[in-house]
Amino acid sequence: MKKKRIFNKKNTILNNKNFILFLVIFIIIYFYNNLYYDKKIFIVEPNHDKFYVVPKDPGGKKIPDYGINILENNIKIDENLYDNMSLDHLVYSLQLYISNSINEIEEKKIFYSKKLHASKNQFFIGKFDNTLGSYFLLLYMNFTNRDSAKILCDHLKTKDINCLIVNVKNL
C-alpha cells in the first residue's frame, strides 16, 4: 500500500519563478519609460494672450448714478399736500396703504372713502422716514386703545380690505 501524504509541501520554486518573472517585467517597463520617453507626460504651453477682453462700448442702456443709496427716490414731494401736524391727536390708527408717492396716497384715499362710505376727514396721511427713504401711510380713524382698533380691523378684513394697527405716536 502506498503512503498518502497528509501535508503537502508548497511548490516554492514555482512561486519564486513567478515573482522573479514579475520583477523582471516591472524593471523592463520602468527603464523603458524612463529612458525612451521624455519625463514630461504632457506639455502645457504658456499663454501670452489676454484671458478676457473688456469692450470699450458694451452697449445697452446707460444707467445714471444716483449716489450711494440705490433705493433713493428722486421724486420731489409736494409738501402742500402733506400735513404732519394733523397727526398730533392720533394714538392708534389703521394703516390701509403705504407708498412713497403722496399722489398715489391721495388716490387711495378717494378709493377707500368710496369703498368704506366714510368721509375724507376720517383719513390721515402720515410720513414714515427710514434709511431707505420716506414713505407715506394712509391711516383710517383714531382709536384710544389697541383693542377697539383690532375690532374694526377684523371687520374690514371681512370686506377684503387689508389693514394694520399702527401706534401713530411712534412714527
N, C-alpha and C. Protein backbone atom coordinates (compact mmCIF):
# COMPACT_ATOMS: atom_id res chain seq x y z
N MET A 1 0.82 -1.16 0.00
CA MET A 1 0.00 0.00 0.00
C MET A 1 0.88 1.24 0.00
N LYS A 2 0.42 2.19 -0.69
CA LYS A 2 1.19 3.40 -0.88
C LYS A 2 0.81 4.41 0.19
N LYS A 3 1.78 5.15 0.65
CA LYS A 3 1.52 6.14 1.68
C LYS A 3 1.01 7.43 1.04
N LYS A 4 -0.02 7.95 1.67
CA LYS A 4 -0.53 9.24 1.23
C LYS A 4 -0.03 10.31 2.17
N ARG A 5 0.36 11.36 1.57
CA ARG A 5 0.85 12.46 2.38
C ARG A 5 -0.34 13.33 2.80
N ILE A 6 -0.41 13.65 4.04
CA ILE A 6 -1.48 14.50 4.54
C ILE A 6 -1.12 15.97 4.32
N PHE A 7 0.07 16.32 4.61
CA PHE A 7 0.53 17.70 4.44
C PHE A 7 1.44 17.77 3.24
N ASN A 8 1.05 18.56 2.28
CA ASN A 8 1.86 18.71 1.07
C ASN A 8 2.74 19.94 1.23
N LYS A 9 3.89 19.83 0.74
CA LYS A 9 4.81 20.95 0.72
C LYS A 9 4.50 21.81 -0.49
N LYS A 10 4.39 23.11 -0.25
CA LYS A 10 4.06 24.02 -1.34
C LYS A 10 5.23 24.08 -2.31
N ASN A 11 4.87 24.30 -3.52
CA ASN A 11 5.88 24.38 -4.55
C ASN A 11 6.45 25.80 -4.53
N THR A 12 7.48 26.02 -3.83
CA THR A 12 8.10 27.34 -3.71
C THR A 12 8.89 27.70 -4.94
N ILE A 13 9.27 26.73 -5.70
CA ILE A 13 10.03 27.01 -6.90
C ILE A 13 9.15 27.75 -7.90
N LEU A 14 7.93 27.29 -8.06
CA LEU A 14 7.02 27.95 -8.98
C LEU A 14 6.71 29.37 -8.51
N ASN A 15 6.50 29.54 -7.24
CA ASN A 15 6.24 30.87 -6.70
C ASN A 15 7.45 31.78 -6.87
N ASN A 16 8.59 31.26 -6.66
CA ASN A 16 9.80 32.06 -6.84
C ASN A 16 9.98 32.42 -8.31
N LYS A 17 9.66 31.54 -9.21
CA LYS A 17 9.79 31.82 -10.64
C LYS A 17 8.79 32.92 -11.05
N ASN A 18 7.57 32.84 -10.54
CA ASN A 18 6.58 33.87 -10.85
C ASN A 18 7.01 35.24 -10.32
N PHE A 19 7.54 35.24 -9.12
CA PHE A 19 7.98 36.50 -8.52
C PHE A 19 9.13 37.10 -9.32
N ILE A 20 10.06 36.31 -9.71
CA ILE A 20 11.21 36.79 -10.47
C ILE A 20 10.76 37.27 -11.84
N LEU A 21 9.85 36.55 -12.49
CA LEU A 21 9.34 36.97 -13.79
C LEU A 21 8.62 38.32 -13.66
N PHE A 22 7.80 38.45 -12.66
CA PHE A 22 7.09 39.72 -12.43
C PHE A 22 8.08 40.85 -12.17
N LEU A 23 9.09 40.62 -11.40
CA LEU A 23 10.10 41.64 -11.09
C LEU A 23 10.87 42.04 -12.33
N VAL A 24 11.23 41.11 -13.18
CA VAL A 24 11.96 41.41 -14.41
C VAL A 24 11.09 42.24 -15.36
N ILE A 25 9.81 41.88 -15.49
CA ILE A 25 8.91 42.64 -16.38
C ILE A 25 8.74 44.07 -15.84
N PHE A 26 8.60 44.19 -14.56
CA PHE A 26 8.45 45.53 -13.96
C PHE A 26 9.70 46.38 -14.19
N ILE A 27 10.88 45.81 -14.04
CA ILE A 27 12.13 46.56 -14.25
C ILE A 27 12.26 46.97 -15.71
N ILE A 28 11.88 46.10 -16.62
CA ILE A 28 11.96 46.43 -18.05
C ILE A 28 11.03 47.59 -18.37
N ILE A 29 9.82 47.54 -17.89
CA ILE A 29 8.86 48.62 -18.15
C ILE A 29 9.33 49.92 -17.52
N TYR A 30 9.87 49.85 -16.32
CA TYR A 30 10.35 51.04 -15.64
C TYR A 30 11.48 51.71 -16.42
N PHE A 31 12.48 50.94 -16.84
CA PHE A 31 13.60 51.52 -17.59
C PHE A 31 13.16 51.99 -18.98
N TYR A 32 12.26 51.27 -19.59
CA TYR A 32 11.79 51.66 -20.90
C TYR A 32 11.10 53.03 -20.83
N ASN A 33 10.26 53.23 -19.81
CA ASN A 33 9.58 54.52 -19.66
C ASN A 33 10.53 55.66 -19.30
N ASN A 34 11.50 55.40 -18.49
CA ASN A 34 12.41 56.46 -18.06
C ASN A 34 13.47 56.79 -19.10
N LEU A 35 13.92 55.84 -19.87
CA LEU A 35 15.00 56.10 -20.82
C LEU A 35 14.49 56.59 -22.18
N TYR A 36 13.41 56.05 -22.65
CA TYR A 36 12.97 56.34 -24.00
C TYR A 36 11.92 57.45 -24.10
N TYR A 37 11.24 57.71 -23.01
CA TYR A 37 10.25 58.78 -23.03
C TYR A 37 10.78 60.00 -22.31
N ASP A 38 10.30 61.16 -22.77
CA ASP A 38 10.64 62.39 -22.09
C ASP A 38 9.94 62.38 -20.73
N LYS A 39 10.56 63.01 -19.75
CA LYS A 39 10.00 62.95 -18.41
C LYS A 39 8.68 63.71 -18.29
N LYS A 40 8.40 64.63 -19.19
CA LYS A 40 7.15 65.36 -19.15
C LYS A 40 6.09 64.53 -19.85
N ILE A 41 5.05 64.23 -19.14
CA ILE A 41 3.98 63.43 -19.72
C ILE A 41 3.20 64.26 -20.73
N PHE A 42 2.83 65.50 -20.35
CA PHE A 42 2.19 66.41 -21.29
C PHE A 42 2.74 67.79 -21.05
N ILE A 43 2.72 68.57 -22.08
CA ILE A 43 3.34 69.89 -22.04
C ILE A 43 2.23 70.94 -22.15
N VAL A 44 2.20 71.87 -21.19
CA VAL A 44 1.27 72.98 -21.23
C VAL A 44 2.05 74.19 -21.69
N GLU A 45 1.66 74.69 -22.83
CA GLU A 45 2.36 75.85 -23.36
C GLU A 45 1.88 77.10 -22.64
N PRO A 46 2.76 78.03 -22.37
CA PRO A 46 2.35 79.26 -21.68
C PRO A 46 1.44 80.10 -22.57
N ASN A 47 0.46 80.75 -21.95
CA ASN A 47 -0.50 81.58 -22.66
C ASN A 47 -0.07 83.03 -22.54
N HIS A 48 0.24 83.65 -23.67
CA HIS A 48 0.65 85.05 -23.68
C HIS A 48 -0.47 85.97 -24.12
N ASP A 49 -1.62 85.40 -24.48
CA ASP A 49 -2.76 86.21 -24.89
C ASP A 49 -3.52 86.70 -23.66
N LYS A 50 -4.41 87.66 -23.89
CA LYS A 50 -5.26 88.14 -22.81
C LYS A 50 -6.31 87.08 -22.50
N PHE A 51 -6.60 86.93 -21.20
CA PHE A 51 -7.59 85.94 -20.80
C PHE A 51 -9.01 86.43 -21.10
N TYR A 52 -9.24 87.71 -21.00
CA TYR A 52 -10.56 88.26 -21.30
C TYR A 52 -10.38 89.64 -21.93
N VAL A 53 -11.39 90.08 -22.62
CA VAL A 53 -11.35 91.38 -23.28
C VAL A 53 -12.56 92.17 -22.82
N VAL A 54 -12.33 93.37 -22.30
CA VAL A 54 -13.42 94.25 -21.91
C VAL A 54 -13.67 95.19 -23.08
N PRO A 55 -14.89 95.14 -23.63
CA PRO A 55 -15.15 96.02 -24.78
C PRO A 55 -15.20 97.48 -24.35
N LYS A 56 -14.78 98.37 -25.23
CA LYS A 56 -14.80 99.80 -24.93
C LYS A 56 -16.21 100.34 -24.87
N ASP A 57 -17.10 99.82 -25.71
CA ASP A 57 -18.50 100.22 -25.69
C ASP A 57 -19.34 98.97 -25.49
N PRO A 58 -19.74 98.67 -24.25
CA PRO A 58 -20.51 97.44 -24.01
C PRO A 58 -21.92 97.51 -24.54
N GLY A 59 -22.41 98.70 -24.88
CA GLY A 59 -23.77 98.83 -25.39
C GLY A 59 -24.78 98.76 -24.26
N GLY A 60 -26.03 98.70 -24.62
CA GLY A 60 -27.07 98.63 -23.61
C GLY A 60 -27.47 100.01 -23.13
N LYS A 61 -28.30 100.03 -22.11
CA LYS A 61 -28.84 101.27 -21.59
C LYS A 61 -27.89 101.86 -20.55
N LYS A 62 -27.66 103.13 -20.63
CA LYS A 62 -26.82 103.82 -19.65
C LYS A 62 -27.66 104.09 -18.41
N ILE A 63 -27.19 103.64 -17.26
CA ILE A 63 -27.91 103.82 -16.01
C ILE A 63 -27.24 104.96 -15.25
N PRO A 64 -28.00 106.00 -14.90
CA PRO A 64 -27.39 107.12 -14.19
C PRO A 64 -27.02 106.74 -12.76
N ASP A 65 -25.97 107.38 -12.26
CA ASP A 65 -25.51 107.14 -10.91
C ASP A 65 -26.21 108.11 -9.97
N TYR A 66 -27.02 107.57 -9.07
CA TYR A 66 -27.76 108.41 -8.13
C TYR A 66 -27.07 108.53 -6.78
N GLY A 67 -25.93 107.99 -6.63
CA GLY A 67 -25.23 108.08 -5.36
C GLY A 67 -25.17 106.72 -4.68
N ILE A 68 -24.89 106.74 -3.39
CA ILE A 68 -24.71 105.51 -2.64
C ILE A 68 -26.03 104.78 -2.43
N ASN A 69 -27.08 105.50 -2.09
CA ASN A 69 -28.36 104.89 -1.78
C ASN A 69 -29.06 104.49 -3.08
N ILE A 70 -29.05 103.19 -3.42
CA ILE A 70 -29.61 102.75 -4.69
C ILE A 70 -31.13 102.78 -4.68
N LEU A 71 -31.73 102.77 -3.51
CA LEU A 71 -33.17 102.81 -3.43
C LEU A 71 -33.69 104.23 -3.25
N GLU A 72 -32.83 105.20 -3.45
CA GLU A 72 -33.20 106.59 -3.24
C GLU A 72 -34.28 107.00 -4.23
N ASN A 73 -35.27 107.66 -3.72
CA ASN A 73 -36.37 108.10 -4.58
C ASN A 73 -36.15 109.57 -4.89
N ASN A 74 -36.04 109.90 -6.15
CA ASN A 74 -35.73 111.26 -6.56
C ASN A 74 -36.98 112.08 -6.88
N ILE A 75 -38.13 111.64 -6.40
CA ILE A 75 -39.37 112.36 -6.65
C ILE A 75 -39.44 113.53 -5.67
N LYS A 76 -39.70 114.71 -6.19
CA LYS A 76 -39.86 115.88 -5.34
C LYS A 76 -41.24 115.81 -4.70
N ILE A 77 -41.28 115.93 -3.39
CA ILE A 77 -42.53 115.80 -2.65
C ILE A 77 -43.16 117.17 -2.51
N ASP A 78 -44.42 117.24 -2.86
CA ASP A 78 -45.18 118.47 -2.71
C ASP A 78 -45.63 118.55 -1.25
N GLU A 79 -44.96 119.38 -0.47
CA GLU A 79 -45.25 119.46 0.96
C GLU A 79 -46.60 120.10 1.25
N ASN A 80 -47.21 120.76 0.27
CA ASN A 80 -48.52 121.36 0.49
C ASN A 80 -49.60 120.28 0.62
N LEU A 81 -49.39 119.11 -0.02
CA LEU A 81 -50.37 118.05 0.07
C LEU A 81 -50.28 117.29 1.39
N TYR A 82 -49.15 117.38 2.04
CA TYR A 82 -48.91 116.59 3.25
C TYR A 82 -48.82 117.51 4.45
N ASP A 83 -49.57 117.21 5.48
CA ASP A 83 -49.56 118.00 6.70
C ASP A 83 -49.38 117.05 7.88
N ASN A 84 -48.20 117.02 8.44
CA ASN A 84 -47.90 116.11 9.55
C ASN A 84 -48.44 116.63 10.88
N MET A 85 -48.82 117.88 10.95
CA MET A 85 -49.31 118.45 12.20
C MET A 85 -50.66 117.87 12.60
N SER A 86 -51.43 117.33 11.64
CA SER A 86 -52.74 116.77 11.95
C SER A 86 -52.65 115.43 12.67
N LEU A 87 -51.45 114.88 12.83
CA LEU A 87 -51.28 113.57 13.48
C LEU A 87 -51.04 113.68 14.98
N ASP A 88 -50.98 114.88 15.53
CA ASP A 88 -50.66 115.04 16.95
C ASP A 88 -51.72 114.44 17.86
N HIS A 89 -52.97 114.46 17.45
CA HIS A 89 -54.04 113.97 18.31
C HIS A 89 -54.30 112.47 18.14
N LEU A 90 -53.64 111.81 17.19
CA LEU A 90 -53.86 110.38 16.95
C LEU A 90 -53.06 109.53 17.93
N VAL A 91 -53.69 108.43 18.39
CA VAL A 91 -52.99 107.48 19.24
C VAL A 91 -52.79 106.17 18.47
N TYR A 92 -53.88 105.46 18.19
CA TYR A 92 -53.84 104.26 17.36
C TYR A 92 -54.67 104.52 16.11
N SER A 93 -54.23 103.95 15.00
CA SER A 93 -54.95 104.12 13.75
C SER A 93 -54.74 102.87 12.90
N LEU A 94 -55.56 102.74 11.87
CA LEU A 94 -55.44 101.61 10.95
C LEU A 94 -54.71 102.05 9.69
N GLN A 95 -53.65 101.35 9.36
CA GLN A 95 -52.92 101.64 8.12
C GLN A 95 -53.58 100.84 7.00
N LEU A 96 -54.04 101.55 5.98
CA LEU A 96 -54.69 100.90 4.85
C LEU A 96 -53.76 100.75 3.66
N TYR A 97 -52.82 101.70 3.51
CA TYR A 97 -51.97 101.69 2.32
C TYR A 97 -50.67 102.43 2.65
N ILE A 98 -49.60 102.05 1.95
CA ILE A 98 -48.31 102.73 2.10
C ILE A 98 -47.70 102.91 0.72
N SER A 99 -47.07 104.06 0.51
CA SER A 99 -46.43 104.33 -0.77
C SER A 99 -45.39 105.43 -0.57
N ASN A 100 -44.49 105.55 -1.52
CA ASN A 100 -43.51 106.64 -1.46
C ASN A 100 -43.97 107.84 -2.28
N SER A 101 -45.18 107.75 -2.85
CA SER A 101 -45.73 108.84 -3.64
C SER A 101 -46.97 109.39 -2.93
N ILE A 102 -46.96 110.68 -2.65
CA ILE A 102 -48.10 111.32 -1.99
C ILE A 102 -49.32 111.34 -2.91
N ASN A 103 -49.11 111.43 -4.20
CA ASN A 103 -50.22 111.43 -5.16
C ASN A 103 -50.95 110.08 -5.17
N GLU A 104 -50.20 109.02 -5.05
CA GLU A 104 -50.81 107.69 -5.01
C GLU A 104 -51.62 107.51 -3.72
N ILE A 105 -51.14 108.08 -2.63
CA ILE A 105 -51.87 108.03 -1.37
C ILE A 105 -53.19 108.80 -1.49
N GLU A 106 -53.15 109.94 -2.16
CA GLU A 106 -54.38 110.72 -2.35
C GLU A 106 -55.40 109.95 -3.19
N GLU A 107 -54.93 109.22 -4.19
CA GLU A 107 -55.83 108.41 -5.00
C GLU A 107 -56.46 107.29 -4.17
N LYS A 108 -55.65 106.64 -3.34
CA LYS A 108 -56.17 105.57 -2.48
C LYS A 108 -57.11 106.12 -1.42
N LYS A 109 -56.90 107.35 -1.00
CA LYS A 109 -57.78 107.98 -0.02
C LYS A 109 -59.18 108.13 -0.61
N ILE A 110 -59.26 108.54 -1.86
CA ILE A 110 -60.55 108.67 -2.54
C ILE A 110 -61.18 107.28 -2.73
N PHE A 111 -60.36 106.30 -3.12
CA PHE A 111 -60.85 104.94 -3.35
C PHE A 111 -61.46 104.35 -2.07
N TYR A 112 -60.72 104.46 -0.94
CA TYR A 112 -61.21 103.88 0.30
C TYR A 112 -62.38 104.67 0.89
N SER A 113 -62.44 105.96 0.65
CA SER A 113 -63.59 106.73 1.15
C SER A 113 -64.87 106.28 0.45
N LYS A 114 -64.78 105.93 -0.82
CA LYS A 114 -65.95 105.42 -1.54
C LYS A 114 -66.29 103.99 -1.11
N LYS A 115 -65.25 103.16 -0.92
CA LYS A 115 -65.48 101.76 -0.58
C LYS A 115 -66.02 101.60 0.84
N LEU A 116 -65.54 102.44 1.77
CA LEU A 116 -65.98 102.33 3.16
C LEU A 116 -67.15 103.25 3.49
N HIS A 117 -67.56 104.07 2.53
CA HIS A 117 -68.62 105.07 2.75
C HIS A 117 -68.27 105.96 3.94
N ALA A 118 -67.03 106.42 3.95
CA ALA A 118 -66.54 107.27 5.04
C ALA A 118 -66.20 108.64 4.50
N SER A 119 -66.21 109.63 5.38
CA SER A 119 -65.85 110.99 4.96
C SER A 119 -64.33 111.11 4.87
N LYS A 120 -63.88 112.06 4.09
CA LYS A 120 -62.43 112.21 3.87
C LYS A 120 -61.71 112.72 5.11
N ASN A 121 -62.43 113.31 6.07
CA ASN A 121 -61.74 113.80 7.26
C ASN A 121 -61.45 112.67 8.25
N GLN A 122 -61.92 111.44 7.98
CA GLN A 122 -61.57 110.29 8.81
C GLN A 122 -60.24 109.66 8.37
N PHE A 123 -59.71 110.11 7.25
CA PHE A 123 -58.44 109.59 6.74
C PHE A 123 -57.33 110.58 7.06
N PHE A 124 -56.17 110.03 7.36
CA PHE A 124 -55.00 110.85 7.68
C PHE A 124 -53.82 110.31 6.88
N ILE A 125 -52.88 111.19 6.62
CA ILE A 125 -51.66 110.80 5.90
C ILE A 125 -50.49 111.01 6.85
N GLY A 126 -49.75 109.94 7.11
CA GLY A 126 -48.58 110.01 7.98
C GLY A 126 -47.32 109.76 7.18
N LYS A 127 -46.24 110.36 7.64
CA LYS A 127 -44.96 110.20 6.95
C LYS A 127 -44.05 109.34 7.82
N PHE A 128 -43.45 108.35 7.20
CA PHE A 128 -42.56 107.43 7.89
C PHE A 128 -41.19 107.51 7.23
N ASP A 129 -40.18 108.00 7.97
CA ASP A 129 -38.81 108.13 7.44
C ASP A 129 -37.97 106.97 7.95
N ASN A 130 -37.22 106.35 7.04
CA ASN A 130 -36.25 105.33 7.42
C ASN A 130 -35.03 105.45 6.52
N THR A 131 -34.12 104.51 6.61
CA THR A 131 -32.88 104.60 5.84
C THR A 131 -33.10 104.41 4.35
N LEU A 132 -34.21 103.79 3.96
CA LEU A 132 -34.49 103.57 2.54
C LEU A 132 -35.19 104.75 1.90
N GLY A 133 -35.67 105.68 2.68
CA GLY A 133 -36.35 106.85 2.13
C GLY A 133 -37.59 107.18 2.94
N SER A 134 -38.43 108.03 2.40
CA SER A 134 -39.66 108.44 3.07
C SER A 134 -40.84 107.71 2.45
N TYR A 135 -41.71 107.24 3.31
CA TYR A 135 -42.93 106.57 2.88
C TYR A 135 -44.11 107.25 3.53
N PHE A 136 -45.22 107.27 2.82
CA PHE A 136 -46.44 107.87 3.31
C PHE A 136 -47.44 106.78 3.63
N LEU A 137 -48.11 106.91 4.78
CA LEU A 137 -49.09 105.95 5.24
C LEU A 137 -50.47 106.54 5.11
N LEU A 138 -51.40 105.76 4.61
CA LEU A 138 -52.80 106.16 4.62
C LEU A 138 -53.42 105.56 5.87
N LEU A 139 -53.80 106.42 6.82
CA LEU A 139 -54.33 106.00 8.10
C LEU A 139 -55.83 106.27 8.14
N TYR A 140 -56.54 105.39 8.82
CA TYR A 140 -58.00 105.49 8.90
C TYR A 140 -58.44 105.51 10.36
N MET A 141 -59.10 106.55 10.74
CA MET A 141 -59.72 106.77 12.05
C MET A 141 -58.70 106.84 13.18
N ASN A 142 -59.17 107.34 14.30
CA ASN A 142 -58.36 107.47 15.51
C ASN A 142 -58.98 106.60 16.59
N PHE A 143 -58.14 105.86 17.30
CA PHE A 143 -58.59 104.99 18.38
C PHE A 143 -57.78 105.30 19.63
N THR A 144 -58.43 105.19 20.78
CA THR A 144 -57.72 105.45 22.03
C THR A 144 -56.97 104.22 22.53
N ASN A 145 -57.46 103.04 22.16
CA ASN A 145 -56.75 101.82 22.57
C ASN A 145 -56.64 100.85 21.40
N ARG A 146 -55.79 99.88 21.57
CA ARG A 146 -55.49 98.93 20.52
C ARG A 146 -56.64 97.95 20.28
N ASP A 147 -57.36 97.61 21.32
CA ASP A 147 -58.44 96.63 21.19
C ASP A 147 -59.56 97.11 20.29
N SER A 148 -59.96 98.37 20.43
CA SER A 148 -61.02 98.90 19.57
C SER A 148 -60.56 98.98 18.12
N ALA A 149 -59.27 99.26 17.92
CA ALA A 149 -58.73 99.27 16.55
C ALA A 149 -58.72 97.86 15.96
N LYS A 150 -58.44 96.87 16.80
CA LYS A 150 -58.42 95.48 16.32
C LYS A 150 -59.82 95.02 15.92
N ILE A 151 -60.85 95.44 16.65
CA ILE A 151 -62.22 95.06 16.31
C ILE A 151 -62.59 95.59 14.93
N LEU A 152 -62.28 96.87 14.66
CA LEU A 152 -62.60 97.43 13.35
C LEU A 152 -61.75 96.81 12.25
N CYS A 153 -60.49 96.50 12.55
CA CYS A 153 -59.61 95.88 11.55
C CYS A 153 -60.14 94.49 11.17
N ASP A 154 -60.60 93.73 12.15
CA ASP A 154 -61.19 92.41 11.85
C ASP A 154 -62.45 92.56 11.00
N HIS A 155 -63.22 93.60 11.26
CA HIS A 155 -64.42 93.85 10.47
C HIS A 155 -64.06 94.22 9.02
N LEU A 156 -62.99 95.01 8.84
CA LEU A 156 -62.56 95.39 7.50
C LEU A 156 -62.00 94.21 6.71
N LYS A 157 -61.42 93.26 7.41
CA LYS A 157 -60.87 92.08 6.74
C LYS A 157 -61.99 91.22 6.15
N THR A 158 -63.18 91.27 6.73
CA THR A 158 -64.31 90.55 6.14
C THR A 158 -64.75 91.19 4.83
N LYS A 159 -64.39 92.46 4.63
CA LYS A 159 -64.71 93.17 3.38
C LYS A 159 -63.54 93.13 2.40
N ASP A 160 -62.57 92.26 2.65
CA ASP A 160 -61.36 92.11 1.81
C ASP A 160 -60.52 93.39 1.77
N ILE A 161 -60.43 94.06 2.88
CA ILE A 161 -59.56 95.24 2.99
C ILE A 161 -58.47 94.89 4.00
N ASN A 162 -57.24 94.91 3.56
CA ASN A 162 -56.12 94.63 4.46
C ASN A 162 -55.83 95.86 5.30
N CYS A 163 -55.60 95.64 6.57
CA CYS A 163 -55.28 96.76 7.45
C CYS A 163 -54.24 96.32 8.47
N LEU A 164 -53.63 97.31 9.09
CA LEU A 164 -52.58 97.07 10.06
C LEU A 164 -52.75 98.11 11.16
N ILE A 165 -52.69 97.69 12.42
CA ILE A 165 -52.83 98.63 13.53
C ILE A 165 -51.49 99.31 13.76
N VAL A 166 -51.53 100.66 13.81
CA VAL A 166 -50.28 101.44 13.92
C VAL A 166 -50.40 102.34 15.15
N ASN A 167 -49.33 102.36 15.95
CA ASN A 167 -49.25 103.34 17.03
C ASN A 167 -48.63 104.59 16.42
N VAL A 168 -49.45 105.61 16.23
CA VAL A 168 -49.03 106.80 15.49
C VAL A 168 -47.99 107.60 16.28
N LYS A 169 -48.00 107.47 17.58
CA LYS A 169 -47.03 108.22 18.40
C LYS A 169 -45.59 107.76 18.12
N ASN A 170 -45.43 106.55 17.64
CA ASN A 170 -44.09 106.02 17.35
C ASN A 170 -43.58 106.37 15.96
N LEU A 171 -44.41 107.04 15.15
CA LEU A 171 -43.94 107.44 13.82
C LEU A 171 -43.00 108.60 14.03
